[in-house]
Amino acid sequence: MSESENLIVATQAIPETDDIHGLPALNYSLKSTNLICFLGQRFNISNIYMQMLAGLSSPQSGEVEYFNCEKSTQIAKHFPAIAYLSHDSALLSVLNGLENVKLPALYHQLGTKQQIEKQAQALLDELSYGANHKVLPDFMTVVQKRHLLIARAIILEPKLLFIENPFAGLEFAETRMIEDYLYSLVDQKNITVIASNPNLGFVENYADKIILQSSSGFHFFNDWDRFYFHKQRNKLRF
């Protein structure tokens, strides 16, 4: 994958939180067109760092710089370059699947209604699993909701997609499908994907970079073998 561009650079950055003390500082550069897995034994801590990197929360100390030009903790300043899906992100219950995916592009007037309809349908057609995208979210499966949330986020063509716990609640075959889909965003759409706490099979097969947060600080790996050796040597469980 290309590493030609620094998208987000954290320098001695510690998230702001009232609940957790003594968090380690993060020094890291998120680069273009990478799939990065953010791991830790406590999901909530991994997600706090993800939210800080995405600009959803302020650093308690240190700095986070975006796109080689400015420091900001307001994600709106970088919209739509940064998309974020939390573990509890939801579709609008009163709109069907297709309308949910179209909504951001319609709201920001990023094309004619016909152009946006075509773009949304093309995103939905990228996965085939027998889903009816004309039903309301209450009648959807977990995997359909996950697919539509991702499609709704990327219709705005972000440079980065942060996604928390991407495979929670999915069956084995559904997990494989979403794994392939996330990889395709990097490989085919040049979106940098940062996933927190994915399964280790996904990490082994797809991760370009691995960030491991532990009580002693951060460890960074450029391949599965080095990460696996560290995991085994330190008897880490995920």
Protein backbone atom coordinates (compact mmCIF):
# COMPACT_ATOMS: atom_id res chain seq x y z
CA MET A 1 0.00 0.00 0.00
CA SER A 2 1.10 3.60 -0.59
CA GLU A 3 2.55 5.56 2.29
CA SER A 4 3.03 8.81 0.43
CA GLU A 5 0.83 11.02 2.58
CA ASN A 6 0.45 11.61 6.29
CA LEU A 7 -3.26 12.04 6.99
CA ILE A 8 -3.25 12.31 10.78
CA VAL A 9 -0.21 12.71 13.04
CA ALA A 10 -0.47 12.27 16.82
CA THR A 11 2.38 13.69 18.92
CA GLN A 12 2.43 12.80 22.62
CA ALA A 13 -1.36 12.72 22.40
CA ILE A 14 -3.40 11.54 25.38
CA PRO A 15 -7.23 11.45 25.15
CA GLU A 16 -9.32 13.63 27.40
CA THR A 17 -11.45 11.53 29.73
CA ASP A 18 -12.78 11.76 33.27
CA ASP A 19 -12.97 8.01 33.84
CA ILE A 20 -9.53 6.64 33.06
CA HIS A 21 -6.21 7.92 34.45
CA GLY A 22 -2.66 7.25 33.48
CA LEU A 23 -3.26 6.61 29.78
CA PRO A 24 -0.07 6.43 27.70
CA ALA A 25 0.81 9.05 25.09
CA LEU A 26 0.39 8.12 21.44
CA ASN A 27 2.96 9.05 18.80
CA TYR A 28 1.81 7.81 15.43
CA SER A 29 1.17 8.78 11.81
CA LEU A 30 -1.88 7.50 9.96
CA LYS A 31 -0.91 7.27 6.31
CA SER A 32 -2.90 7.13 3.12
CA THR A 33 -4.34 3.90 1.73
CA ASN A 34 -3.61 1.67 4.71
CA LEU A 35 -5.69 -0.76 6.71
CA ILE A 36 -4.81 -0.25 10.37
CA CYS A 37 -5.98 -2.45 13.23
CA PHE A 38 -6.12 -0.85 16.70
CA LEU A 39 -5.99 -3.51 19.38
CA GLY A 40 -6.19 -3.54 23.15
CA GLN A 41 -7.49 -5.72 25.93
CA ARG A 42 -10.04 -3.07 26.90
CA PHE A 43 -12.32 -2.09 24.03
CA ASN A 44 -13.37 1.23 25.54
CA ILE A 45 -9.78 2.49 25.77
CA SER A 46 -9.03 1.61 22.14
CA ASN A 47 -12.15 3.47 21.10
CA ILE A 48 -11.23 6.54 23.17
CA TYR A 49 -7.96 6.81 21.23
CA MET A 50 -9.78 6.29 17.95
CA GLN A 51 -12.22 9.09 18.79
CA MET A 52 -9.34 11.41 19.64
CA LEU A 53 -7.57 10.65 16.36
CA ALA A 54 -10.77 11.27 14.40
CA GLY A 55 -11.30 14.62 16.10
CA LEU A 56 -14.41 13.62 18.02
CA SER A 57 -12.73 14.49 21.31
CA SER A 58 -9.89 16.74 22.40
CA PRO A 59 -6.45 15.57 23.44
CA GLN A 60 -5.90 16.07 27.15
CA SER A 61 -2.29 16.77 26.25
CA GLY A 62 -0.15 16.58 23.16
CA GLU A 63 -1.28 17.37 19.62
CA VAL A 64 -3.15 15.81 16.74
CA GLU A 65 -2.44 17.30 13.30
CA TYR A 66 -4.64 16.75 10.27
CA PHE A 67 -3.61 16.60 6.62
CA ASN A 68 -0.20 18.21 7.15
CA CYS A 69 -1.64 21.62 7.78
CA GLU A 70 -3.65 22.26 10.93
CA LYS A 71 -4.35 21.12 14.45
CA SER A 72 -7.98 20.82 15.41
CA THR A 73 -10.29 18.75 17.54
CA GLN A 74 -13.38 19.65 15.55
CA ILE A 75 -14.23 16.87 13.12
CA ALA A 76 -16.54 19.28 11.28
CA LYS A 77 -13.45 21.15 10.04
CA HIS A 78 -12.33 18.01 8.25
CA PHE A 79 -15.72 16.92 6.96
CA PRO A 80 -16.18 14.89 4.83
CA ALA A 81 -12.55 13.71 4.80
CA ILE A 82 -13.01 11.77 8.06
CA ALA A 83 -15.88 9.32 8.65
CA TYR A 84 -16.48 7.62 11.99
CA LEU A 85 -18.70 4.67 12.86
CA SER A 86 -19.01 3.95 16.57
CA HIS A 87 -20.16 0.60 17.94
CA ASP A 88 -23.63 2.10 18.48
CA SER A 89 -24.02 4.06 15.22
CA ALA A 90 -27.53 3.58 13.87
CA LEU A 91 -29.55 4.09 10.71
CA LEU A 92 -32.47 6.50 10.78
CA SER A 93 -35.43 4.32 11.74
CA VAL A 94 -37.95 6.19 9.56
CA LEU A 95 -36.01 5.74 6.30
CA ASN A 96 -35.45 2.57 4.33
CA GLY A 97 -31.96 1.33 3.56
CA LEU A 98 -31.49 3.08 0.23
CA GLU A 99 -32.78 6.38 1.58
CA ASN A 100 -30.44 6.13 4.57
CA VAL A 101 -27.44 5.73 2.28
CA LYS A 102 -28.51 8.63 0.04
CA LEU A 103 -29.23 11.04 2.90
CA PRO A 104 -25.74 12.53 3.53
CA ALA A 105 -25.12 13.21 -0.16
CA LEU A 106 -28.58 14.74 -0.59
CA TYR A 107 -28.17 16.90 2.51
CA HIS A 108 -24.84 18.28 1.29
CA GLN A 109 -26.11 18.62 -2.29
CA LEU A 110 -23.25 16.61 -3.76
CA GLY A 111 -25.09 15.92 -7.01
CA THR A 112 -28.51 15.73 -8.57
CA LYS A 113 -31.08 13.38 -7.07
CA GLN A 114 -30.56 11.05 -10.00
CA GLN A 115 -26.77 11.06 -9.62
CA ILE A 116 -26.97 10.39 -5.89
CA GLU A 117 -29.53 7.61 -6.39
CA LYS A 118 -27.20 5.95 -8.89
CA GLN A 119 -24.18 6.35 -6.59
CA ALA A 120 -26.04 4.92 -3.58
CA GLN A 121 -27.36 1.96 -5.55
CA ALA A 122 -23.87 1.22 -6.85
CA LEU A 123 -22.57 1.11 -3.26
CA LEU A 124 -25.35 -1.24 -2.22
CA ASP A 125 -24.70 -3.49 -5.21
CA GLU A 126 -21.08 -4.01 -4.12
CA LEU A 127 -22.31 -6.70 -1.71
CA SER A 128 -24.78 -9.40 -2.67
CA TYR A 129 -26.44 -11.32 0.16
CA GLY A 130 -30.13 -11.29 -0.68
CA ALA A 131 -30.98 -8.17 1.34
CA ASN A 132 -33.96 -5.95 0.60
CA HIS A 133 -32.76 -2.37 0.99
CA LYS A 134 -36.25 -0.95 0.65
CA VAL A 135 -37.28 -2.06 4.16
CA LEU A 136 -36.94 -0.06 7.37
CA PRO A 137 -34.03 -0.76 9.76
CA ASP A 138 -36.29 -2.57 12.24
CA PHE A 139 -36.65 -5.34 9.67
CA MET A 140 -32.96 -5.65 8.81
CA THR A 141 -30.35 -8.14 9.94
CA VAL A 142 -27.21 -7.05 11.79
CA VAL A 143 -25.03 -7.55 8.72
CA GLN A 144 -27.35 -5.49 6.51
CA LYS A 145 -27.29 -2.62 8.99
CA ARG A 146 -23.48 -2.83 9.16
CA HIS A 147 -23.20 -2.76 5.38
CA LEU A 148 -25.54 0.22 5.07
CA LEU A 149 -23.77 2.18 7.81
CA ILE A 150 -20.48 1.76 5.96
CA ALA A 151 -22.07 2.67 2.63
CA ARG A 152 -23.70 5.75 4.17
CA ALA A 153 -20.32 6.84 5.52
CA ILE A 154 -18.35 6.35 2.31
CA ILE A 155 -20.87 7.92 -0.07
CA LEU A 156 -19.18 11.20 0.86
CA GLU A 157 -15.82 9.75 -0.31
CA PRO A 158 -13.78 10.25 2.88
CA LYS A 159 -10.03 9.82 3.07
CA LEU A 160 -10.35 7.90 6.34
CA LEU A 161 -12.97 5.61 7.82
CA PHE A 162 -12.77 4.81 11.54
CA ILE A 163 -14.92 1.87 12.58
CA GLU A 164 -15.31 0.47 16.09
CA ASN A 165 -15.75 -3.28 16.65
CA PRO A 166 -16.70 -3.90 12.99
CA PHE A 167 -17.63 -7.59 13.33
CA ALA A 168 -19.64 -7.53 16.56
CA GLY A 169 -22.79 -9.65 16.31
CA LEU A 170 -21.99 -11.17 12.90
CA GLU A 171 -22.08 -14.82 11.94
CA PHE A 172 -18.98 -16.47 10.46
CA ALA A 173 -19.93 -16.04 6.78
CA GLU A 174 -21.14 -12.49 7.42
CA THR A 175 -17.85 -11.65 9.09
CA ARG A 176 -15.90 -12.91 6.07
CA MET A 177 -18.05 -10.77 3.77
CA ILE A 178 -17.56 -7.57 5.77
CA GLU A 179 -13.83 -8.31 6.13
CA ASP A 180 -13.51 -8.48 2.34
CA TYR A 181 -15.63 -5.35 1.98
CA LEU A 182 -13.47 -3.29 4.36
CA TYR A 183 -10.35 -4.43 2.56
CA SER A 184 -11.89 -3.41 -0.77
CA LEU A 185 -12.35 0.14 0.53
CA VAL A 186 -8.58 0.37 0.93
CA ASP A 187 -7.62 -1.58 -2.17
CA GLN A 188 -10.17 -0.17 -4.61
CA LYS A 189 -11.31 3.18 -3.18
CA ASN A 190 -8.03 4.31 -1.56
CA ILE A 191 -9.70 4.92 1.80
CA THR A 192 -7.58 4.45 4.91
CA VAL A 193 -9.55 2.17 7.24
CA ILE A 194 -8.84 2.12 10.99
CA ALA A 195 -10.67 -0.67 12.82
CA SER A 196 -10.70 -1.11 16.58
CA ASN A 197 -10.69 -4.55 18.15
CA PRO A 198 -11.30 -6.67 15.04
CA ASN A 199 -10.92 -10.44 15.15
CA LEU A 200 -7.38 -11.74 14.81
CA GLY A 201 -8.14 -13.51 11.53
CA PHE A 202 -8.85 -10.12 9.97
CA VAL A 203 -5.66 -8.71 11.47
CA GLU A 204 -3.59 -11.57 10.08
CA ASN A 205 -5.08 -11.52 6.59
CA TYR A 206 -5.58 -7.82 5.93
CA ALA A 207 -3.78 -5.44 8.30
CA ASP A 208 -1.02 -3.25 6.88
CA LYS A 209 -0.28 -1.81 10.32
CA ILE A 210 -1.13 -2.95 13.84
CA ILE A 211 -1.33 -0.69 16.90
CA LEU A 212 -1.38 -2.49 20.23
CA GLN A 213 -2.28 -0.48 23.34
CA SER A 214 -1.28 -1.97 26.66
CA SER A 215 -0.74 -0.79 30.22
CA SER A 216 2.94 -0.26 29.42
CA GLY A 217 2.29 1.92 26.37
CA PHE A 218 1.95 1.37 22.65
CA HIS A 219 3.55 -1.22 20.39
CA PHE A 220 3.54 -0.87 16.61
CA PHE A 221 3.85 -3.67 14.08
CA ASN A 222 4.17 -3.68 10.29
CA ASP A 223 3.28 -7.32 9.85
CA TRP A 224 1.42 -10.20 11.50
CA ASP A 225 4.48 -12.29 12.30
CA ARG A 226 6.06 -9.68 14.55
CA PHE A 227 2.74 -8.99 16.24
CA TYR A 228 2.06 -12.70 16.78
CA PHE A 229 5.50 -13.26 18.26
CA HIS A 230 4.94 -10.37 20.69
CA LYS A 231 1.49 -11.71 21.57
CA GLN A 232 2.77 -15.20 22.29
CA ARG A 233 5.84 -14.05 24.20
CA ASN A 234 3.71 -11.84 26.45
CA LYS A 235 0.81 -14.32 26.65
CA LEU A 236 -1.72 -11.75 25.48
CA ARG A 237 -5.33 -12.70 24.90
CA PHE A 238 -7.85 -10.88 22.71
